[in-house]
Amino acid sequence: MKRWKLLVSVGVAGAGLAAAGACGADPRVRVTAGCPSPSTVMTLLATRPGAALPSGAAVALGPVCDGDWAFASVGAPDLEDVGAVLRFSSARWQVLTYGSQPCAAASVRAAPPPVRAAAGC
């Protein structure tokens, strides 16, 4: 597993859904809100207050989803991947945490086991 290099930042944003079942490789994963597409994840991260994504940033892994939760690893050239944990709430996907230590956010402790495992918790 890659080592995280950025600090944790928290923000909230919301938009769009991909088709249910479009995320994660495990068919046993329970998806209730659909799963955000990689482009939706990047849009959510880019529109966070104070957002500053590195040039060339893209989803490197995932999203891995379970229920109303999702995790995506985001990478960029010359930077090791960082993690984003999202939750579907109030009819939209919201970024709960984004950064090098996604498991440090208290809100992530309530995430289902597949999402916490993908985040490295």
N, C-alpha and C. Protein backbone atom coordinates (compact mmCIF):
# COMPACT_ATOMS: atom_id res chain seq x y z
N MET A 1 0.84 -1.18 0.00
CA MET A 1 0.00 0.00 0.00
C MET A 1 0.89 1.24 0.00
N LYS A 2 0.46 2.23 -0.73
CA LYS A 2 1.23 3.47 -0.81
C LYS A 2 1.14 4.24 0.50
N ARG A 3 2.14 5.03 0.76
CA ARG A 3 2.13 5.88 1.94
C ARG A 3 1.47 7.19 1.57
N TRP A 4 0.70 7.74 2.46
CA TRP A 4 -0.01 9.00 2.23
C TRP A 4 0.94 10.16 2.49
N LYS A 5 0.84 11.20 1.68
CA LYS A 5 1.77 12.33 1.83
C LYS A 5 1.10 13.67 2.11
N LEU A 6 -0.19 13.82 1.88
CA LEU A 6 -0.84 15.10 2.11
C LEU A 6 -1.57 15.08 3.45
N LEU A 7 -1.88 16.25 3.96
CA LEU A 7 -2.62 16.35 5.20
C LEU A 7 -4.11 16.22 4.93
N VAL A 8 -4.86 15.82 5.94
CA VAL A 8 -6.31 15.67 5.81
C VAL A 8 -6.96 17.03 5.74
N SER A 9 -7.89 17.17 4.81
CA SER A 9 -8.72 18.36 4.75
C SER A 9 -10.16 17.90 4.64
N VAL A 10 -11.09 18.70 5.11
CA VAL A 10 -12.49 18.32 5.11
C VAL A 10 -13.28 19.36 4.36
N GLY A 11 -14.25 18.90 3.57
CA GLY A 11 -15.12 19.80 2.82
C GLY A 11 -16.41 19.10 2.48
N VAL A 12 -17.37 19.84 2.00
CA VAL A 12 -18.65 19.27 1.59
C VAL A 12 -18.99 19.82 0.23
N ALA A 13 -19.45 18.92 -0.63
CA ALA A 13 -19.91 19.30 -1.96
C ALA A 13 -20.93 18.26 -2.38
N GLY A 14 -21.63 18.47 -3.46
CA GLY A 14 -22.58 17.46 -3.87
C GLY A 14 -22.95 17.56 -5.32
N ALA A 15 -23.24 16.40 -5.92
CA ALA A 15 -23.72 16.32 -7.30
C ALA A 15 -23.70 14.89 -7.76
N GLY A 16 -24.49 14.61 -8.76
CA GLY A 16 -24.53 13.43 -9.60
C GLY A 16 -24.34 12.05 -9.01
N LEU A 17 -24.85 11.06 -9.73
CA LEU A 17 -24.70 9.66 -9.41
C LEU A 17 -24.37 8.88 -10.66
N ALA A 18 -23.65 7.83 -10.50
CA ALA A 18 -23.46 6.88 -11.59
C ALA A 18 -24.47 5.76 -11.39
N ALA A 19 -24.60 4.90 -12.36
CA ALA A 19 -25.54 3.79 -12.27
C ALA A 19 -25.17 2.90 -11.09
N ALA A 20 -26.19 2.38 -10.42
CA ALA A 20 -25.96 1.47 -9.31
C ALA A 20 -25.15 0.29 -9.80
N GLY A 21 -24.21 -0.15 -8.98
CA GLY A 21 -23.37 -1.27 -9.34
C GLY A 21 -22.17 -0.89 -10.17
N ALA A 22 -21.99 0.39 -10.46
CA ALA A 22 -20.88 0.82 -11.30
C ALA A 22 -19.57 0.88 -10.54
N CYS A 23 -19.62 0.68 -9.22
CA CYS A 23 -18.39 0.78 -8.46
C CYS A 23 -18.09 -0.52 -7.76
N GLY A 24 -16.86 -0.66 -7.36
CA GLY A 24 -16.45 -1.84 -6.63
C GLY A 24 -16.53 -3.10 -7.47
N ALA A 25 -15.67 -4.04 -7.22
CA ALA A 25 -15.67 -5.27 -7.99
C ALA A 25 -16.45 -6.38 -7.30
N ASP A 26 -16.81 -6.19 -6.06
CA ASP A 26 -17.45 -7.24 -5.29
C ASP A 26 -18.96 -7.14 -5.42
N PRO A 27 -19.62 -8.14 -6.03
CA PRO A 27 -21.07 -8.08 -6.21
C PRO A 27 -21.84 -8.17 -4.90
N ARG A 28 -21.18 -8.55 -3.80
CA ARG A 28 -21.86 -8.63 -2.51
C ARG A 28 -22.01 -7.27 -1.85
N VAL A 29 -21.35 -6.24 -2.38
CA VAL A 29 -21.42 -4.90 -1.81
C VAL A 29 -22.83 -4.36 -1.99
N ARG A 30 -23.40 -3.87 -0.92
CA ARG A 30 -24.76 -3.32 -0.93
C ARG A 30 -24.70 -1.87 -1.38
N VAL A 31 -25.29 -1.58 -2.52
CA VAL A 31 -25.30 -0.21 -3.05
C VAL A 31 -26.73 0.29 -3.03
N THR A 32 -27.00 1.34 -2.26
CA THR A 32 -28.36 1.87 -2.18
C THR A 32 -28.49 3.21 -2.87
N ALA A 33 -27.44 3.97 -2.94
CA ALA A 33 -27.52 5.30 -3.53
C ALA A 33 -26.86 5.34 -4.91
N GLY A 34 -26.53 4.18 -5.44
CA GLY A 34 -25.69 4.19 -6.62
C GLY A 34 -24.27 4.45 -6.14
N CYS A 35 -23.41 4.71 -7.06
CA CYS A 35 -22.03 4.95 -6.69
C CYS A 35 -21.54 6.12 -7.53
N PRO A 36 -20.80 7.05 -6.93
CA PRO A 36 -20.33 8.17 -7.76
C PRO A 36 -19.32 7.66 -8.78
N SER A 37 -19.37 8.20 -9.96
CA SER A 37 -18.39 7.85 -10.99
C SER A 37 -17.06 8.52 -10.63
N PRO A 38 -15.95 8.06 -11.22
CA PRO A 38 -14.68 8.75 -10.98
C PRO A 38 -14.74 10.24 -11.34
N SER A 39 -15.45 10.57 -12.42
CA SER A 39 -15.54 11.99 -12.79
C SER A 39 -16.36 12.78 -11.77
N THR A 40 -17.38 12.15 -11.19
CA THR A 40 -18.16 12.83 -10.14
C THR A 40 -17.29 13.06 -8.92
N VAL A 41 -16.49 12.07 -8.55
CA VAL A 41 -15.58 12.23 -7.40
C VAL A 41 -14.66 13.42 -7.64
N MET A 42 -14.07 13.49 -8.83
CA MET A 42 -13.15 14.59 -9.12
C MET A 42 -13.87 15.94 -9.12
N THR A 43 -15.09 15.99 -9.63
CA THR A 43 -15.87 17.24 -9.60
C THR A 43 -16.15 17.66 -8.17
N LEU A 44 -16.55 16.71 -7.33
CA LEU A 44 -16.82 17.01 -5.92
C LEU A 44 -15.58 17.54 -5.22
N LEU A 45 -14.44 16.92 -5.49
CA LEU A 45 -13.20 17.38 -4.85
C LEU A 45 -12.78 18.75 -5.36
N ALA A 46 -12.95 18.98 -6.65
CA ALA A 46 -12.54 20.26 -7.24
C ALA A 46 -13.42 21.42 -6.81
N THR A 47 -14.66 21.13 -6.40
CA THR A 47 -15.59 22.20 -6.02
C THR A 47 -15.69 22.40 -4.51
N ARG A 48 -14.86 21.69 -3.74
CA ARG A 48 -14.84 21.90 -2.30
C ARG A 48 -14.33 23.30 -1.99
N PRO A 49 -14.83 23.89 -0.91
CA PRO A 49 -14.27 25.19 -0.51
C PRO A 49 -12.77 25.04 -0.25
N GLY A 50 -11.99 25.92 -0.81
CA GLY A 50 -10.54 25.88 -0.63
C GLY A 50 -9.85 24.76 -1.38
N ALA A 51 -10.53 24.18 -2.37
CA ALA A 51 -9.97 23.05 -3.11
C ALA A 51 -8.73 23.47 -3.89
N ALA A 52 -7.76 22.59 -3.86
CA ALA A 52 -6.53 22.81 -4.64
C ALA A 52 -6.00 21.45 -5.06
N LEU A 53 -6.57 20.88 -6.12
CA LEU A 53 -6.11 19.59 -6.60
C LEU A 53 -4.86 19.77 -7.45
N PRO A 54 -3.90 18.87 -7.32
CA PRO A 54 -2.69 18.97 -8.13
C PRO A 54 -3.02 18.77 -9.61
N SER A 55 -2.21 19.32 -10.47
CA SER A 55 -2.38 19.15 -11.91
C SER A 55 -2.31 17.66 -12.26
N GLY A 56 -3.22 17.21 -13.08
CA GLY A 56 -3.23 15.81 -13.50
C GLY A 56 -3.86 14.86 -12.51
N ALA A 57 -4.48 15.37 -11.46
CA ALA A 57 -5.11 14.50 -10.46
C ALA A 57 -6.24 13.72 -11.10
N ALA A 58 -6.35 12.44 -10.72
CA ALA A 58 -7.40 11.57 -11.24
C ALA A 58 -7.64 10.44 -10.24
N VAL A 59 -8.83 9.84 -10.30
CA VAL A 59 -9.13 8.70 -9.45
C VAL A 59 -8.24 7.54 -9.87
N ALA A 60 -7.48 7.00 -8.92
CA ALA A 60 -6.56 5.90 -9.18
C ALA A 60 -7.14 4.55 -8.77
N LEU A 61 -8.06 4.55 -7.81
CA LEU A 61 -8.70 3.34 -7.32
C LEU A 61 -10.13 3.67 -6.93
N GLY A 62 -11.06 2.86 -7.39
CA GLY A 62 -12.44 3.01 -6.98
C GLY A 62 -13.24 3.87 -7.92
N PRO A 63 -14.33 4.34 -7.42
CA PRO A 63 -14.77 4.29 -6.04
C PRO A 63 -15.16 2.87 -5.59
N VAL A 64 -14.91 2.61 -4.32
CA VAL A 64 -15.36 1.40 -3.65
C VAL A 64 -16.55 1.83 -2.81
N CYS A 65 -17.70 1.21 -3.01
CA CYS A 65 -18.92 1.67 -2.36
C CYS A 65 -19.57 0.58 -1.54
N ASP A 66 -20.28 1.00 -0.52
CA ASP A 66 -21.14 0.12 0.27
C ASP A 66 -22.23 1.00 0.85
N GLY A 67 -23.47 0.69 0.50
CA GLY A 67 -24.58 1.50 0.98
C GLY A 67 -24.44 2.91 0.47
N ASP A 68 -24.51 3.85 1.37
CA ASP A 68 -24.44 5.27 1.03
C ASP A 68 -23.04 5.84 1.22
N TRP A 69 -22.03 4.98 1.23
CA TRP A 69 -20.65 5.38 1.47
C TRP A 69 -19.79 5.05 0.26
N ALA A 70 -18.72 5.81 0.05
CA ALA A 70 -17.78 5.54 -1.03
C ALA A 70 -16.39 5.99 -0.62
N PHE A 71 -15.39 5.28 -1.15
CA PHE A 71 -13.99 5.67 -0.99
C PHE A 71 -13.34 5.66 -2.36
N ALA A 72 -12.53 6.65 -2.64
CA ALA A 72 -11.74 6.68 -3.87
C ALA A 72 -10.33 7.16 -3.53
N SER A 73 -9.37 6.53 -4.17
CA SER A 73 -7.99 6.94 -4.05
C SER A 73 -7.69 7.85 -5.24
N VAL A 74 -7.09 9.00 -4.96
CA VAL A 74 -6.81 9.99 -6.00
C VAL A 74 -5.30 10.16 -6.11
N GLY A 75 -4.81 10.08 -7.34
CA GLY A 75 -3.38 10.23 -7.57
C GLY A 75 -3.10 11.34 -8.56
N ALA A 76 -1.87 11.76 -8.58
CA ALA A 76 -1.39 12.78 -9.52
C ALA A 76 0.07 12.49 -9.81
N PRO A 77 0.58 12.93 -10.97
CA PRO A 77 2.00 12.73 -11.26
C PRO A 77 2.87 13.31 -10.13
N ASP A 78 3.89 12.59 -9.76
CA ASP A 78 4.84 13.01 -8.73
C ASP A 78 4.24 13.12 -7.33
N LEU A 79 3.07 12.54 -7.12
CA LEU A 79 2.45 12.54 -5.80
C LEU A 79 1.89 11.16 -5.53
N GLU A 80 2.05 10.68 -4.32
CA GLU A 80 1.42 9.41 -3.98
C GLU A 80 -0.07 9.65 -3.77
N ASP A 81 -0.84 8.58 -3.92
CA ASP A 81 -2.29 8.69 -3.83
C ASP A 81 -2.75 9.19 -2.47
N VAL A 82 -3.87 9.90 -2.46
CA VAL A 82 -4.55 10.33 -1.25
C VAL A 82 -5.98 9.80 -1.32
N GLY A 83 -6.68 9.81 -0.21
CA GLY A 83 -8.00 9.21 -0.17
C GLY A 83 -9.11 10.21 0.03
N ALA A 84 -10.26 9.85 -0.53
CA ALA A 84 -11.48 10.65 -0.35
C ALA A 84 -12.59 9.71 0.14
N VAL A 85 -13.23 10.08 1.22
CA VAL A 85 -14.38 9.34 1.72
C VAL A 85 -15.60 10.22 1.50
N LEU A 86 -16.62 9.62 0.86
CA LEU A 86 -17.84 10.34 0.53
C LEU A 86 -19.04 9.63 1.12
N ARG A 87 -20.11 10.38 1.32
CA ARG A 87 -21.36 9.79 1.82
C ARG A 87 -22.52 10.44 1.09
N PHE A 88 -23.50 9.62 0.74
CA PHE A 88 -24.71 10.12 0.09
C PHE A 88 -25.67 10.55 1.19
N SER A 89 -25.96 11.84 1.25
CA SER A 89 -26.80 12.40 2.29
C SER A 89 -27.52 13.62 1.72
N SER A 90 -28.74 13.83 2.13
CA SER A 90 -29.54 14.96 1.66
C SER A 90 -29.60 14.99 0.14
N ALA A 91 -29.78 13.81 -0.46
CA ALA A 91 -29.96 13.64 -1.91
C ALA A 91 -28.75 14.02 -2.74
N ARG A 92 -27.55 13.96 -2.15
CA ARG A 92 -26.34 14.26 -2.92
C ARG A 92 -25.14 13.60 -2.25
N TRP A 93 -24.08 13.40 -3.05
CA TRP A 93 -22.82 12.90 -2.51
C TRP A 93 -22.09 14.06 -1.85
N GLN A 94 -21.53 13.79 -0.68
CA GLN A 94 -20.78 14.81 0.06
C GLN A 94 -19.40 14.27 0.40
N VAL A 95 -18.39 15.10 0.26
CA VAL A 95 -17.04 14.72 0.64
C VAL A 95 -16.92 14.88 2.15
N LEU A 96 -16.66 13.77 2.86
CA LEU A 96 -16.46 13.85 4.30
C LEU A 96 -15.03 14.19 4.64
N THR A 97 -14.10 13.59 3.90
CA THR A 97 -12.69 13.88 4.13
C THR A 97 -11.90 13.58 2.87
N TYR A 98 -10.83 14.31 2.68
CA TYR A 98 -9.93 14.11 1.54
C TYR A 98 -8.53 14.42 2.01
N GLY A 99 -7.63 13.50 1.83
CA GLY A 99 -6.25 13.77 2.22
C GLY A 99 -5.47 12.51 2.50
N SER A 100 -4.36 12.69 3.16
CA SER A 100 -3.42 11.60 3.37
C SER A 100 -3.81 10.64 4.48
N GLN A 101 -4.70 11.07 5.35
CA GLN A 101 -5.09 10.23 6.48
C GLN A 101 -6.62 10.19 6.59
N PRO A 102 -7.27 9.55 5.62
CA PRO A 102 -8.74 9.57 5.65
C PRO A 102 -9.33 8.90 6.88
N CYS A 103 -8.61 7.97 7.48
CA CYS A 103 -9.13 7.26 8.65
C CYS A 103 -9.09 8.11 9.91
N ALA A 104 -8.37 9.22 9.88
CA ALA A 104 -8.27 10.09 11.05
C ALA A 104 -9.55 10.87 11.31
N ALA A 105 -10.38 11.03 10.29
CA ALA A 105 -11.63 11.78 10.45
C ALA A 105 -12.63 10.95 11.25
N ALA A 106 -13.19 11.53 12.29
CA ALA A 106 -14.14 10.81 13.14
C ALA A 106 -15.32 10.27 12.34
N SER A 107 -15.77 11.01 11.35
CA SER A 107 -16.93 10.58 10.56
C SER A 107 -16.68 9.27 9.81
N VAL A 108 -15.43 8.96 9.49
CA VAL A 108 -15.10 7.76 8.73
C VAL A 108 -15.25 6.51 9.59
N ARG A 109 -15.18 6.64 10.88
CA ARG A 109 -15.32 5.48 11.77
C ARG A 109 -16.68 4.82 11.63
N ALA A 110 -17.68 5.54 11.16
CA ALA A 110 -19.03 4.98 10.97
C ALA A 110 -19.21 4.32 9.61
N ALA A 111 -18.20 4.41 8.74
CA ALA A 111 -18.30 3.83 7.40
C ALA A 111 -18.36 2.31 7.49
N PRO A 112 -19.02 1.67 6.51
CA PRO A 112 -19.07 0.20 6.50
C PRO A 112 -17.67 -0.40 6.29
N PRO A 113 -17.47 -1.65 6.73
CA PRO A 113 -16.15 -2.28 6.63
C PRO A 113 -15.49 -2.25 5.25
N PRO A 114 -16.21 -2.49 4.13
CA PRO A 114 -15.51 -2.44 2.83
C PRO A 114 -14.94 -1.05 2.51
N VAL A 115 -15.63 -0.01 2.93
CA VAL A 115 -15.16 1.36 2.66
C VAL A 115 -13.96 1.66 3.58
N ARG A 116 -14.06 1.30 4.85
CA ARG A 116 -12.93 1.52 5.76
C ARG A 116 -11.71 0.73 5.31
N ALA A 117 -11.90 -0.51 4.85
CA ALA A 117 -10.79 -1.33 4.38
C ALA A 117 -10.13 -0.70 3.15
N ALA A 118 -10.93 -0.21 2.23
CA ALA A 118 -10.38 0.44 1.03
C ALA A 118 -9.58 1.67 1.41
N ALA A 119 -10.01 2.36 2.47
CA ALA A 119 -9.33 3.58 2.92
C ALA A 119 -8.08 3.25 3.73
N GLY A 120 -7.91 1.98 4.08
CA GLY A 120 -6.74 1.59 4.87
C GLY A 120 -6.94 1.71 6.36
N CYS A 121 -8.19 1.75 6.81
CA CYS A 121 -8.49 1.89 8.25
C CYS A 121 -8.39 0.54 8.96
